[in-house]
Amino acid sequence: MDKNTIDVNYVAELARLKLTDEESQLFQSQLGTIVQYVEKIRELNVEGVEPTLHGQDLCNAFRKDVVVPSMDREDALNNAPARHDTEFMLPKIVEDA
């Protein structure tokens, strides 16, 4: 195998996967095609091109964490099917806990 060939059986063993001979041949062929494509991309002249993670600018989608008026606790608890003091009571959803 040359330096650009990925040993599918070795990778499958590391991942604890059992591949049939047909799957191994198929994946070997597909990985070979991917490696050829990456080699083709390496031929591109990218001098002066800044590395980037995204093709478009990102902006922060989070809002500022500020206190705003919200529903009164008692009003919220009035909608609860069951409550204990100032808490909602919920049915147990975890088995054997």
Protein backbone atom coordinates (compact mmCIF):
# COMPACT_ATOMS: atom_id res chain seq x y z
CA MET A 1 0.00 0.00 0.00
CA ASP A 2 1.22 3.48 -0.76
CA LYS A 3 1.18 6.32 1.77
CA ASN A 4 -2.20 7.60 0.53
CA THR A 5 -4.04 4.30 0.96
CA ILE A 6 -6.18 3.85 4.05
CA ASP A 7 -6.32 0.30 5.40
CA VAL A 8 -10.08 -0.16 5.84
CA ASN A 9 -9.67 -3.41 7.78
CA TYR A 10 -7.30 -1.75 10.26
CA VAL A 11 -9.68 1.18 10.79
CA ALA A 12 -12.62 -1.22 11.17
CA GLU A 13 -10.66 -3.17 13.78
CA LEU A 14 -9.92 0.01 15.74
CA ALA A 15 -13.63 0.88 15.63
CA ARG A 16 -14.51 -2.69 16.60
CA LEU A 17 -16.50 -3.16 13.41
CA LYS A 18 -16.83 -6.44 11.58
CA LEU A 19 -16.87 -5.95 7.84
CA THR A 20 -17.60 -8.53 5.20
CA ASP A 21 -15.11 -8.88 2.35
CA GLU A 22 -17.59 -7.10 0.07
CA GLU A 23 -17.98 -4.18 2.49
CA SER A 24 -14.24 -3.95 2.94
CA GLN A 25 -13.67 -3.77 -0.82
CA LEU A 26 -16.46 -1.22 -1.26
CA PHE A 27 -15.19 1.03 1.54
CA GLN A 28 -11.58 0.67 0.32
CA SER A 29 -12.67 1.88 -3.11
CA GLN A 30 -14.71 4.76 -1.66
CA LEU A 31 -11.90 5.88 0.64
CA GLY A 32 -9.48 5.71 -2.27
CA THR A 33 -11.71 8.07 -4.22
CA ILE A 34 -11.85 10.46 -1.26
CA VAL A 35 -8.05 10.45 -0.88
CA GLN A 36 -7.67 11.17 -4.62
CA TYR A 37 -10.07 14.10 -4.27
CA VAL A 38 -8.13 15.50 -1.29
CA GLU A 39 -4.90 15.19 -3.27
CA LYS A 40 -6.54 17.11 -6.12
CA ILE A 41 -7.57 19.86 -3.69
CA ARG A 42 -3.98 20.08 -2.42
CA GLU A 43 -2.94 21.21 -5.90
CA LEU A 44 -4.89 24.46 -5.51
CA ASN A 45 -2.94 27.65 -4.98
CA VAL A 46 -4.31 29.08 -1.74
CA GLU A 47 -1.56 31.61 -1.17
CA GLY A 48 -3.03 34.74 0.39
CA VAL A 49 -6.30 33.02 1.30
CA GLU A 50 -7.06 33.42 4.98
CA PRO A 51 -8.05 30.23 6.80
CA THR A 52 -11.71 30.20 7.79
CA LEU A 53 -14.10 27.89 9.54
CA HIS A 54 -17.21 29.30 7.88
CA GLY A 55 -17.96 30.72 4.48
CA GLN A 56 -20.00 33.51 6.02
CA ASP A 57 -19.48 35.80 8.98
CA LEU A 58 -20.96 34.56 12.22
CA CYS A 59 -22.75 36.69 14.72
CA ASN A 60 -23.62 35.97 18.32
CA ALA A 61 -27.22 34.79 18.47
CA PHE A 62 -27.44 34.97 22.26
CA ARG A 63 -29.29 37.71 24.01
CA LYS A 64 -27.91 39.56 27.00
CA ASP A 65 -28.69 37.91 30.32
CA VAL A 66 -30.80 40.60 31.94
CA VAL A 67 -33.57 40.35 34.50
CA VAL A 68 -36.98 41.04 33.02
CA PRO A 69 -40.44 40.86 34.58
CA SER A 70 -41.85 37.34 34.44
CA MET A 71 -44.88 35.38 35.58
CA ASP A 72 -45.57 35.48 39.29
CA ARG A 73 -44.57 32.20 41.00
CA GLU A 74 -48.00 31.76 42.53
CA ASP A 75 -49.71 32.24 39.16
CA ALA A 76 -47.45 29.61 37.59
CA LEU A 77 -48.03 27.16 40.44
CA ASN A 78 -51.80 27.63 40.16
CA ASN A 79 -51.57 25.89 36.76
CA ALA A 80 -49.75 22.87 38.18
CA PRO A 81 -51.72 19.62 38.48
CA ALA A 82 -49.93 19.05 41.81
CA ARG A 83 -47.56 21.07 43.94
CA HIS A 84 -45.60 20.96 47.19
CA ASP A 85 -45.09 24.36 48.79
CA THR A 86 -43.40 26.41 46.04
CA GLU A 87 -42.51 23.49 43.75
CA PHE A 88 -44.21 21.60 40.95
CA MET A 89 -44.80 17.93 41.77
CA LEU A 90 -44.16 15.61 38.85
CA PRO A 91 -44.60 11.87 38.44
CA LYS A 92 -41.47 9.72 38.65
CA ILE A 93 -40.25 9.04 35.12
CA VAL A 94 -37.06 7.09 35.80
CA GLU A 95 -37.55 3.35 36.15
CA ASP A 96 -35.95 1.59 39.14
CA ALA A 97 -34.69 4.81 40.70
